[in-house]
Amino acid sequence: MLYLLLENEKMPASKLAVNLNVSVRTIFRYVESLSRAGFPVYVLKGRAGGIALLPQFKMDNVLVDNDEQINILASLQSMDTFNISDDETLKKLSAVFKKDPISWVKIDPTVWSRSLAHKKNLAILRQGILQSRFISFKYINAQNEISVRLVYPYYVMFKDRAWYLKGYSMERKATRTFKLVRMSDLRLNKAPNSKEKPWLNIQDEQYNSSEMIKVKLLLDHTLKYRIYEEFLKNEVVEQTSGDFIVTTELKNDDWLITYLISYGSHLKIIEPSFLKNKIKQEIKKMLINY
């Protein structure tokens, strides 16, 4: 009832009763109870009357100032993109702060073919993280092996054009990172029976499954738009021919060859030599199909 009054300042008892699904008599009992508890609720009689709060009753700006109120509402509003926003909390805080939330950013966490499933998985992960519950799921690795994993989730992150889950893997007894699009059949689970709980102690452990390698690439001018999208400005040197030399570090993992081949004939590897050989081998395998 307080949130409704904060939002509307004054409401007829009958309207409050409808909103709260109670009788008018119950509304007046609420008024009496709130008054005894120290809340400045009062009743105005007459045709323009109703139940209201004293104007002085509002959120103390010393506790949460104007900019902080805007930031809180904007953060909650942005979560609507994931279909996991708490509409009730947003509505209540909007009433308390007497502000409408500003939608300033839209983030689509889905791939084109898995929109609903991906958002559903994110909702399950959010629940698991907030409630400190384990998540079980099927996972396909880069070797096309499918296994069932039990993970204590720490957080979800977006990195290098993909979404990942960081958590403690019970199978590996260590922190691991999982790509969301490779996960399926997500379920919430209770914590396993164990006297020790290592998953609570190593949340910040860093795990690197592959090293970074320094590469030097020659890319032609037709992919200028992509070069500046994917590499830092200080890594790119434009040549007199209009082509580009890119010197950067890339993760030496299972996706590196696939990524480099995506440039097609527009890319030539200058260094390192072992990477050039791996590309040649992959192209030979591809030619077998044609």
C-alpha atoms as a PDB file:
ATOM      1  CA  MET A   1       0.000   0.000   0.000  1.00  0.00           C
ATOM      2  CA  LEU A   2       2.876   2.367   0.767  1.00  0.00           C
ATOM      3  CA  TYR A   3       4.318   1.866  -2.717  1.00  0.00           C
ATOM      4  CA  LEU A   4       0.965   2.618  -4.317  1.00  0.00           C
ATOM      5  CA  LEU A   5       0.663   5.811  -2.265  1.00  0.00           C
ATOM      6  CA  LEU A   6       4.217   6.845  -3.087  1.00  0.00           C
ATOM      7  CA  GLU A   7       3.421   6.411  -6.761  1.00  0.00           C
ATOM      8  CA  ASN A   8       0.003   8.122  -6.707  1.00  0.00           C
ATOM      9  CA  GLU A   9       0.255  10.404  -3.637  1.00  0.00           C
ATOM     10  CA  LYS A  10      -3.488  10.011  -2.968  1.00  0.00           C
ATOM     11  CA  MET A  11      -5.916   7.170  -3.763  1.00  0.00           C
ATOM     12  CA  PRO A  12      -9.552   6.353  -2.861  1.00  0.00           C
ATOM     13  CA  ALA A  13      -9.882   3.487  -0.385  1.00  0.00           C
ATOM     14  CA  SER A  14     -11.987   1.580  -2.933  1.00  0.00           C
ATOM     15  CA  LYS A  15      -9.242   1.776  -5.557  1.00  0.00           C
ATOM     16  CA  LEU A  16      -6.615   0.647  -3.065  1.00  0.00           C
ATOM     17  CA  ALA A  17      -8.842  -2.275  -2.119  1.00  0.00           C
ATOM     18  CA  VAL A  18      -9.103  -3.360  -5.782  1.00  0.00           C
ATOM     19  CA  ASN A  19      -5.331  -3.068  -6.325  1.00  0.00           C
ATOM     20  CA  LEU A  20      -4.517  -5.048  -3.192  1.00  0.00           C
ATOM     21  CA  ASN A  21      -7.387  -7.519  -3.599  1.00  0.00           C
ATOM     22  CA  VAL A  22      -8.768  -6.830  -0.119  1.00  0.00           C
ATOM     23  CA  SER A  23     -11.896  -5.184   1.306  1.00  0.00           C
ATOM     24  CA  VAL A  24     -12.266  -1.445   1.983  1.00  0.00           C
ATOM     25  CA  ARG A  25     -12.554  -2.259   5.695  1.00  0.00           C
ATOM     26  CA  THR A  26      -9.147  -3.986   5.501  1.00  0.00           C
ATOM     27  CA  ILE A  27      -7.642  -0.889   3.845  1.00  0.00           C
ATOM     28  CA  PHE A  28      -8.663   1.244   6.832  1.00  0.00           C
ATOM     29  CA  ARG A  29      -7.147  -1.341   9.162  1.00  0.00           C
ATOM     30  CA  TYR A  30      -3.910  -1.022   7.152  1.00  0.00           C
ATOM     31  CA  VAL A  31      -4.040   2.766   7.595  1.00  0.00           C
ATOM     32  CA  GLU A  32      -4.391   2.372  11.352  1.00  0.00           C
ATOM     33  CA  SER A  33      -1.553  -0.158  11.531  1.00  0.00           C
ATOM     34  CA  LEU A  34       0.783   1.976   9.421  1.00  0.00           C
ATOM     35  CA  SER A  35       0.024   5.071  11.497  1.00  0.00           C
ATOM     36  CA  ARG A  36       0.868   3.192  14.692  1.00  0.00           C
ATOM     37  CA  ALA A  37       4.117   2.053  13.092  1.00  0.00           C
ATOM     38  CA  GLY A  38       5.122   5.665  12.449  1.00  0.00           C
ATOM     39  CA  PHE A  39       4.263   6.050   8.762  1.00  0.00           C
ATOM     40  CA  PRO A  40       2.515   9.392   8.001  1.00  0.00           C
ATOM     41  CA  VAL A  41      -0.624   7.923   6.394  1.00  0.00           C
ATOM     42  CA  TYR A  42      -3.812   9.956   6.700  1.00  0.00           C
ATOM     43  CA  VAL A  43      -7.404   9.975   5.424  1.00  0.00           C
ATOM     44  CA  LEU A  44      -8.962  12.892   3.553  1.00  0.00           C
ATOM     45  CA  LYS A  45     -12.757  13.049   3.725  1.00  0.00           C
ATOM     46  CA  GLY A  46     -15.165  14.416   1.116  1.00  0.00           C
ATOM     47  CA  ARG A  47     -15.678  13.967  -2.601  1.00  0.00           C
ATOM     48  CA  ALA A  48     -12.005  14.683  -3.435  1.00  0.00           C
ATOM     49  CA  GLY A  49     -10.807  12.701  -0.455  1.00  0.00           C
ATOM     50  CA  GLY A  50      -8.850   9.502  -0.201  1.00  0.00           C
ATOM     51  CA  ILE A  51      -5.861   8.011   1.550  1.00  0.00           C
ATOM     52  CA  ALA A  52      -2.497   9.747   1.246  1.00  0.00           C
ATOM     53  CA  LEU A  53       1.008  10.141   2.621  1.00  0.00           C
ATOM     54  CA  LEU A  54       2.395  13.374   3.965  1.00  0.00           C
ATOM     55  CA  PRO A  55       4.434  15.114   1.216  1.00  0.00           C
ATOM     56  CA  GLN A  56       7.525  15.052   3.446  1.00  0.00           C
ATOM     57  CA  PHE A  57       7.603  11.243   3.356  1.00  0.00           C
ATOM     58  CA  LYS A  58      10.181  10.303   0.683  1.00  0.00           C
ATOM     59  CA  MET A  59      13.499   8.571   0.219  1.00  0.00           C
ATOM     60  CA  ASP A  60      16.273  10.448   1.994  1.00  0.00           C
ATOM     61  CA  ASN A  61      18.622  11.870  -0.659  1.00  0.00           C
ATOM     62  CA  VAL A  62      21.510  11.621   1.774  1.00  0.00           C
ATOM     63  CA  LEU A  63      21.195   7.828   1.561  1.00  0.00           C
ATOM     64  CA  VAL A  64      20.680   7.600  -2.202  1.00  0.00           C
ATOM     65  CA  ASP A  65      21.195  10.834  -4.154  1.00  0.00           C
ATOM     66  CA  ASN A  66      19.502  11.782  -7.430  1.00  0.00           C
ATOM     67  CA  ASP A  67      22.212  10.385  -9.738  1.00  0.00           C
ATOM     68  CA  GLU A  68      22.361   7.130  -7.774  1.00  0.00           C
ATOM     69  CA  GLN A  69      18.577   6.742  -8.017  1.00  0.00           C
ATOM     70  CA  ILE A  70      18.745   7.176 -11.808  1.00  0.00           C
ATOM     71  CA  ASN A  71      21.588   4.654 -12.062  1.00  0.00           C
ATOM     72  CA  ILE A  72      19.720   2.065  -9.968  1.00  0.00           C
ATOM     73  CA  LEU A  73      16.590   2.319 -12.112  1.00  0.00           C
ATOM     74  CA  ALA A  74      18.563   2.281 -15.377  1.00  0.00           C
ATOM     75  CA  SER A  75      20.428  -0.857 -14.288  1.00  0.00           C
ATOM     76  CA  LEU A  76      17.206  -2.669 -13.461  1.00  0.00           C
ATOM     77  CA  GLN A  77      15.608  -1.503 -16.700  1.00  0.00           C
ATOM     78  CA  SER A  78      18.550  -2.777 -18.789  1.00  0.00           C
ATOM     79  CA  MET A  79      18.031  -6.297 -17.398  1.00  0.00           C
ATOM     80  CA  ASP A  80      14.725  -6.416 -19.270  1.00  0.00           C
ATOM     81  CA  THR A  81      16.770  -7.213 -22.377  1.00  0.00           C
ATOM     82  CA  PHE A  82      17.516 -10.633 -20.899  1.00  0.00           C
ATOM     83  CA  ASN A  83      13.889 -11.314 -19.916  1.00  0.00           C
ATOM     84  CA  ILE A  84      15.087 -11.614 -16.303  1.00  0.00           C
ATOM     85  CA  SER A  85      14.214  -8.187 -14.931  1.00  0.00           C
ATOM     86  CA  ASP A  86      12.407  -7.895 -11.628  1.00  0.00           C
ATOM     87  CA  ASP A  87       9.407  -5.796 -12.687  1.00  0.00           C
ATOM     88  CA  GLU A  88       8.004  -5.620  -9.154  1.00  0.00           C
ATOM     89  CA  THR A  89      11.264  -4.240  -7.723  1.00  0.00           C
ATOM     90  CA  LEU A  90      11.534  -1.754 -10.583  1.00  0.00           C
ATOM     91  CA  LYS A  91       7.969  -0.570 -10.011  1.00  0.00           C
ATOM     92  CA  LYS A  92       8.475  -0.166  -6.265  1.00  0.00           C
ATOM     93  CA  LEU A  93      11.754   1.746  -6.576  1.00  0.00           C
ATOM     94  CA  SER A  94      10.266   3.969  -9.287  1.00  0.00           C
ATOM     95  CA  ALA A  95       7.522   4.869  -6.810  1.00  0.00           C
ATOM     96  CA  VAL A  96       9.958   5.449  -3.944  1.00  0.00           C
ATOM     97  CA  PHE A  97      12.289   7.601  -6.069  1.00  0.00           C
ATOM     98  CA  LYS A  98       9.372   9.244  -7.933  1.00  0.00           C
ATOM     99  CA  LYS A  99      11.181   8.690 -11.234  1.00  0.00           C
ATOM    100  CA  ASP A 100      10.524   6.730 -14.411  1.00  0.00           C
ATOM    101  CA  PRO A 101      13.349   4.333 -15.394  1.00  0.00           C
ATOM    102  CA  ILE A 102      15.418   5.310 -18.437  1.00  0.00           C
ATOM    103  CA  SER A 103      16.139   2.596 -20.976  1.00  0.00           C
ATOM    104  CA  TRP A 104      19.587   3.610 -22.241  1.00  0.00           C
ATOM    105  CA  VAL A 105      21.070   0.326 -23.485  1.00  0.00           C
ATOM    106  CA  LYS A 106      19.814  -2.779 -25.248  1.00  0.00           C
ATOM    107  CA  ILE A 107      21.905  -5.951 -25.157  1.00  0.00           C
ATOM    108  CA  ASP A 108      20.879  -9.008 -27.141  1.00  0.00           C
ATOM    109  CA  PRO A 109      22.585 -12.038 -25.568  1.00  0.00           C
ATOM    110  CA  THR A 110      21.322 -14.479 -28.195  1.00  0.00           C
ATOM    111  CA  VAL A 111      22.557 -15.983 -31.415  1.00  0.00           C
ATOM    112  CA  TRP A 112      20.085 -15.737 -34.298  1.00  0.00           C
ATOM    113  CA  SER A 113      18.982 -19.367 -34.132  1.00  0.00           C
ATOM    114  CA  ARG A 114      18.674 -19.786 -30.358  1.00  0.00           C
ATOM    115  CA  SER A 115      16.958 -16.686 -29.059  1.00  0.00           C
ATOM    116  CA  LEU A 116      14.406 -18.202 -26.665  1.00  0.00           C
ATOM    117  CA  ALA A 117      16.600 -21.090 -25.503  1.00  0.00           C
ATOM    118  CA  HIS A 118      19.551 -18.784 -24.834  1.00  0.00           C
ATOM    119  CA  LYS A 119      17.493 -16.376 -22.741  1.00  0.00           C
ATOM    120  CA  LYS A 120      16.013 -19.278 -20.800  1.00  0.00           C
ATOM    121  CA  ASN A 121      19.518 -20.553 -20.032  1.00  0.00           C
ATOM    122  CA  LEU A 122      20.580 -17.103 -18.856  1.00  0.00           C
ATOM    123  CA  ALA A 123      17.597 -16.976 -16.509  1.00  0.00           C
ATOM    124  CA  ILE A 124      18.582 -20.351 -15.011  1.00  0.00           C
ATOM    125  CA  LEU A 125      22.191 -19.223 -14.579  1.00  0.00           C
ATOM    126  CA  ARG A 126      21.074 -15.996 -12.909  1.00  0.00           C
ATOM    127  CA  GLN A 127      18.923 -17.944 -10.463  1.00  0.00           C
ATOM    128  CA  GLY A 128      21.763 -20.348  -9.711  1.00  0.00           C
ATOM    129  CA  ILE A 129      24.266 -17.547  -9.097  1.00  0.00           C
ATOM    130  CA  LEU A 130      21.938 -15.452  -6.910  1.00  0.00           C
ATOM    131  CA  GLN A 131      20.767 -18.465  -4.888  1.00  0.00           C
ATOM    132  CA  SER A 132      24.246 -20.076  -4.657  1.00  0.00           C
ATOM    133  CA  ARG A 133      23.047 -23.279  -6.312  1.00  0.00           C
ATOM    134  CA  PHE A 134      24.881 -25.709  -8.547  1.00  0.00           C
ATOM    135  CA  ILE A 135      24.082 -25.981 -12.269  1.00  0.00           C
ATOM    136  CA  SER A 136      24.183 -29.225 -14.228  1.00  0.00           C
ATOM    137  CA  PHE A 137      24.280 -29.257 -18.027  1.00  0.00           C
ATOM    138  CA  LYS A 138      25.457 -31.138 -21.093  1.00  0.00           C
ATOM    139  CA  TYR A 139      28.556 -29.642 -22.690  1.00  0.00           C
ATOM    140  CA  ILE A 140      30.210 -30.260 -26.050  1.00  0.00           C
ATOM    141  CA  ASN A 141      33.923 -29.431 -26.150  1.00  0.00           C
ATOM    142  CA  ALA A 142      36.182 -28.587 -29.089  1.00  0.00           C
ATOM    143  CA  GLN A 143      36.848 -32.291 -29.637  1.00  0.00           C
ATOM    144  CA  ASN A 144      33.099 -32.876 -30.165  1.00  0.00           C
ATOM    145  CA  GLU A 145      32.886 -34.830 -26.904  1.00  0.00           C
ATOM    146  CA  ILE A 146      29.630 -34.465 -24.960  1.00  0.00           C
ATOM    147  CA  SER A 147      29.697 -34.778 -21.183  1.00  0.00           C
ATOM    148  CA  VAL A 148      27.496 -33.870 -18.235  1.00  0.00           C
ATOM    149  CA  ARG A 149      28.990 -31.203 -15.992  1.00  0.00           C
ATOM    150  CA  LEU A 150      28.165 -30.091 -12.460  1.00  0.00           C
ATOM    151  CA  VAL A 151      29.311 -26.520 -11.843  1.00  0.00           C
ATOM    152  CA  TYR A 152      29.084 -23.968  -9.044  1.00  0.00           C
ATOM    153  CA  PRO A 153      28.486 -20.753 -11.042  1.00  0.00           C
ATOM    154  CA  TYR A 154      30.365 -17.547 -10.233  1.00  0.00           C
ATOM    155  CA  TYR A 155      29.301 -15.170 -13.001  1.00  0.00           C
ATOM    156  CA  VAL A 156      28.337 -14.847 -16.675  1.00  0.00           C
ATOM    157  CA  MET A 157      30.566 -12.727 -18.901  1.00  0.00           C
ATOM    158  CA  PHE A 158      30.657 -11.476 -22.478  1.00  0.00           C
ATOM    159  CA  LYS A 159      34.062 -11.696 -24.125  1.00  0.00           C
ATOM    160  CA  ASP A 160      35.364 -11.859 -27.687  1.00  0.00           C
ATOM    161  CA  ARG A 161      31.923 -11.967 -29.347  1.00  0.00           C
ATOM    162  CA  ALA A 162      30.537 -14.738 -27.115  1.00  0.00           C
ATOM    163  CA  TRP A 163      28.907 -15.385 -23.713  1.00  0.00           C
ATOM    164  CA  TYR A 164      30.629 -17.557 -21.107  1.00  0.00           C
ATOM    165  CA  LEU A 165      29.983 -19.019 -17.679  1.00  0.00           C
ATOM    166  CA  LYS A 166      32.793 -18.915 -15.119  1.00  0.00           C
ATOM    167  CA  GLY A 167      32.424 -21.467 -12.344  1.00  0.00           C
ATOM    168  CA  TYR A 168      33.894 -24.288 -10.276  1.00  0.00           C
ATOM    169  CA  SER A 169      33.793 -27.630 -12.083  1.00  0.00           C
ATOM    170  CA  MET A 170      33.236 -30.611  -9.806  1.00  0.00           C
ATOM    171  CA  GLU A 171      34.644 -32.917 -12.497  1.00  0.00           C
ATOM    172  CA  ARG A 172      37.907 -30.956 -12.862  1.00  0.00           C
ATOM    173  CA  LYS A 173      38.105 -29.812  -9.219  1.00  0.00           C
ATOM    174  CA  ALA A 174      39.070 -26.351 -10.453  1.00  0.00           C
ATOM    175  CA  THR A 175      37.696 -23.162 -11.960  1.00  0.00           C
ATOM    176  CA  ARG A 176      36.669 -23.456 -15.594  1.00  0.00           C
ATOM    177  CA  THR A 177      35.061 -21.300 -18.290  1.00  0.00           C
ATOM    178  CA  PHE A 178      32.197 -22.652 -20.422  1.00  0.00           C
ATOM    179  CA  LYS A 179      30.828 -21.216 -23.648  1.00  0.00           C
ATOM    180  CA  LEU A 180      27.069 -20.740 -23.305  1.00  0.00           C
ATOM    181  CA  VAL A 181      26.171 -21.824 -26.847  1.00  0.00           C
ATOM    182  CA  ARG A 182      27.757 -25.223 -26.155  1.00  0.00           C
ATOM    183  CA  MET A 183      25.625 -25.787 -23.059  1.00  0.00           C
ATOM    184  CA  SER A 184      22.252 -27.551 -23.094  1.00  0.00           C
ATOM    185  CA  ASP A 185      19.734 -29.119 -20.687  1.00  0.00           C
ATOM    186  CA  LEU A 186      20.572 -26.689 -17.871  1.00  0.00           C
ATOM    187  CA  ARG A 187      19.167 -27.614 -14.455  1.00  0.00           C
ATOM    188  CA  LEU A 188      19.444 -26.230 -10.936  1.00  0.00           C
ATOM    189  CA  ASN A 189      21.013 -28.635  -8.428  1.00  0.00           C
ATOM    190  CA  LYS A 190      21.639 -28.829  -4.715  1.00  0.00           C
ATOM    191  CA  ALA A 191      25.190 -28.725  -3.407  1.00  0.00           C
ATOM    192  CA  PRO A 192      26.858 -32.152  -3.293  1.00  0.00           C
ATOM    193  CA  ASN A 193      27.423 -33.759   0.100  1.00  0.00           C
ATOM    194  CA  SER A 194      30.912 -32.708   1.078  1.00  0.00           C
ATOM    195  CA  LYS A 195      32.584 -31.543   4.277  1.00  0.00           C
ATOM    196  CA  GLU A 196      34.922 -29.316   2.312  1.00  0.00           C
ATOM    197  CA  LYS A 197      33.592 -26.671  -0.060  1.00  0.00           C
ATOM    198  CA  PRO A 198      36.492 -25.609  -2.301  1.00  0.00           C
ATOM    199  CA  TRP A 199      34.131 -23.855  -4.717  1.00  0.00           C
ATOM    200  CA  LEU A 200      33.606 -21.124  -2.106  1.00  0.00           C
ATOM    201  CA  ASN A 201      37.309 -20.365  -1.764  1.00  0.00           C
ATOM    202  CA  ILE A 202      38.773 -20.140  -5.267  1.00  0.00           C
ATOM    203  CA  GLN A 203      36.343 -17.896  -7.087  1.00  0.00           C
ATOM    204  CA  ASP A 204      39.100 -15.552  -8.257  1.00  0.00           C
ATOM    205  CA  GLU A 205      41.401 -18.293  -9.489  1.00  0.00           C
ATOM    206  CA  GLN A 206      42.540 -17.566 -13.004  1.00  0.00           C
ATOM    207  CA  TYR A 207      42.501 -20.414 -15.489  1.00  0.00           C
ATOM    208  CA  ASN A 208      44.044 -20.130 -18.930  1.00  0.00           C
ATOM    209  CA  SER A 209      43.499 -23.177 -21.107  1.00  0.00           C
ATOM    210  CA  SER A 210      45.666 -21.713 -23.862  1.00  0.00           C
ATOM    211  CA  GLU A 211      48.525 -19.278 -24.218  1.00  0.00           C
ATOM    212  CA  MET A 212      48.605 -16.035 -26.140  1.00  0.00           C
ATOM    213  CA  ILE A 213      50.887 -15.932 -29.165  1.00  0.00           C
ATOM    214  CA  LYS A 214      52.251 -12.953 -31.058  1.00  0.00           C
ATOM    215  CA  VAL A 215      51.202 -12.888 -34.707  1.00  0.00           C
ATOM    216  CA  LYS A 216      51.992 -10.618 -37.644  1.00  0.00           C
ATOM    217  CA  LEU A 217      49.383 -10.480 -40.388  1.00  0.00           C
ATOM    218  CA  LEU A 218      49.053  -8.848 -43.798  1.00  0.00           C
ATOM    219  CA  LEU A 219      45.444  -7.915 -44.595  1.00  0.00           C
ATOM    220  CA  ASP A 220      44.279  -6.268 -47.793  1.00  0.00           C
ATOM    221  CA  HIS A 221      42.397  -2.983 -47.934  1.00  0.00           C
ATOM    222  CA  THR A 222      39.028  -4.544 -48.812  1.00  0.00           C
ATOM    223  CA  LEU A 223      38.613  -5.594 -45.156  1.00  0.00           C
ATOM    224  CA  LYS A 224      39.474  -2.224 -43.652  1.00  0.00           C
ATOM    225  CA  TYR A 225      36.122  -2.089 -41.799  1.00  0.00           C
ATOM    226  CA  ARG A 226      36.767  -5.443 -40.122  1.00  0.00           C
ATOM    227  CA  ILE A 227      40.374  -4.648 -39.258  1.00  0.00           C
ATOM    228  CA  TYR A 228      39.362  -1.626 -37.207  1.00  0.00           C
ATOM    229  CA  GLU A 229      36.529  -3.569 -35.588  1.00  0.00           C
ATOM    230  CA  GLU A 230      38.718  -6.416 -34.357  1.00  0.00           C
ATOM    231  CA  PHE A 231      42.149  -4.932 -33.644  1.00  0.00           C
ATOM    232  CA  LEU A 232      43.437  -2.020 -31.580  1.00  0.00           C
ATOM    233  CA  LYS A 233      44.445   1.110 -33.448  1.00  0.00           C
ATOM    234  CA  ASN A 234      48.062   0.878 -32.274  1.00  0.00           C
ATOM    235  CA  GLU A 235      48.264  -2.698 -33.648  1.00  0.00           C
ATOM    236  CA  VAL A 236      47.448  -1.609 -37.210  1.00  0.00           C
ATOM    237  CA  VAL A 237      49.853   0.031 -39.664  1.00  0.00           C
ATOM    238  CA  GLU A 238      48.541   1.103 -43.057  1.00  0.00           C
ATOM    239  CA  GLN A 239      50.909   0.498 -45.972  1.00  0.00           C
ATOM    240  CA  THR A 240      51.449   2.737 -49.004  1.00  0.00           C
ATOM    241  CA  SER A 241      49.583   0.115 -51.049  1.00  0.00           C
ATOM    242  CA  GLY A 242      46.496   0.622 -48.885  1.00  0.00           C
ATOM    243  CA  ASP A 243      46.858  -2.790 -47.260  1.00  0.00           C
ATOM    244  CA  PHE A 244      47.504  -3.263 -43.543  1.00  0.00           C
ATOM    245  CA  ILE A 245      50.099  -4.920 -41.328  1.00  0.00           C
ATOM    246  CA  VAL A 246      48.581  -6.065 -38.043  1.00  0.00           C
ATOM    247  CA  THR A 247      50.811  -7.068 -35.114  1.00  0.00           C
ATOM    248  CA  THR A 248      48.818  -8.444 -32.199  1.00  0.00           C
ATOM    249  CA  GLU A 249      48.411 -11.299 -29.724  1.00  0.00           C
ATOM    250  CA  LEU A 250      45.810 -14.018 -30.243  1.00  0.00           C
ATOM    251  CA  LYS A 251      44.781 -16.935 -28.082  1.00  0.00           C
ATOM    252  CA  ASN A 252      46.329 -20.158 -29.347  1.00  0.00           C
ATOM    253  CA  ASP A 253      43.220 -22.285 -28.922  1.00  0.00           C
ATOM    254  CA  ASP A 254      40.985 -24.511 -31.045  1.00  0.00           C
ATOM    255  CA  TRP A 255      39.253 -21.534 -32.651  1.00  0.00           C
ATOM    256  CA  LEU A 256      42.360 -19.668 -33.854  1.00  0.00           C
ATOM    257  CA  ILE A 257      42.629 -21.456 -37.215  1.00  0.00           C
ATOM    258  CA  THR A 258      38.889 -21.104 -37.844  1.00  0.00           C
ATOM    259  CA  TYR A 259      39.108 -17.390 -37.049  1.00  0.00           C
ATOM    260  CA  LEU A 260      42.047 -16.747 -39.385  1.00  0.00           C
ATOM    261  CA  ILE A 261      40.515 -18.746 -42.233  1.00  0.00           C
ATOM    262  CA  SER A 262      37.389 -16.586 -41.940  1.00  0.00           C
ATOM    263  CA  TYR A 263      39.443 -13.828 -43.630  1.00  0.00           C
ATOM    264  CA  GLY A 264      39.774 -16.017 -46.708  1.00  0.00           C
ATOM    265  CA  SER A 265      42.212 -14.858 -49.370  1.00  0.00           C
ATOM    266  CA  HIS A 266      42.352 -11.390 -47.832  1.00  0.00           C
ATOM    267  CA  LEU A 267      44.836 -12.514 -45.143  1.00  0.00           C
ATOM    268  CA  LYS A 268      48.449 -13.660 -45.238  1.00  0.00           C
ATOM    269  CA  ILE A 269      50.282 -14.792 -42.097  1.00  0.00           C
ATOM    270  CA  ILE A 270      53.777 -13.320 -41.869  1.00  0.00           C
ATOM    271  CA  GLU A 271      54.690 -14.715 -38.447  1.00  0.00           C
ATOM    272  CA  PRO A 272      54.951 -17.196 -36.739  1.00  0.00           C
ATOM    273  CA  SER A 273      55.957 -19.905 -39.190  1.00  0.00           C
ATOM    274  CA  PHE A 274      54.233 -22.748 -37.293  1.00  0.00           C
ATOM    275  CA  LEU A 275      50.913 -20.938 -37.678  1.00  0.00           C
ATOM    276  CA  LYS A 276      51.428 -20.650 -41.440  1.00  0.00           C
ATOM    277  CA  ASN A 277      51.977 -24.402 -41.599  1.00  0.00           C
ATOM    278  CA  LYS A 278      48.804 -25.105 -39.599  1.00  0.00           C
ATOM    279  CA  ILE A 279      46.791 -22.933 -41.997  1.00  0.00           C
ATOM    280  CA  LYS A 280      48.263 -24.796 -44.991  1.00  0.00           C
ATOM    281  CA  GLN A 281      47.334 -28.148 -43.455  1.00  0.00           C
ATOM    282  CA  GLU A 282      43.789 -26.997 -42.764  1.00  0.00           C
ATOM    283  CA  ILE A 283      43.353 -25.672 -46.322  1.00  0.00           C
ATOM    284  CA  LYS A 284      44.548 -29.022 -47.733  1.00  0.00           C
ATOM    285  CA  LYS A 285      41.918 -30.804 -45.624  1.00  0.00           C
ATOM    286  CA  MET A 286      39.269 -28.403 -46.908  1.00  0.00           C
ATOM    287  CA  LEU A 287      40.264 -29.033 -50.539  1.00  0.00           C
ATOM    288  CA  ILE A 288      39.569 -32.753 -50.130  1.00  0.00           C
ATOM    289  CA  ASN A 289      35.878 -31.862 -49.896  1.00  0.00           C
ATOM    290  CA  TYR A 290      36.021 -30.218 -53.330  1.00  0.00           C
END
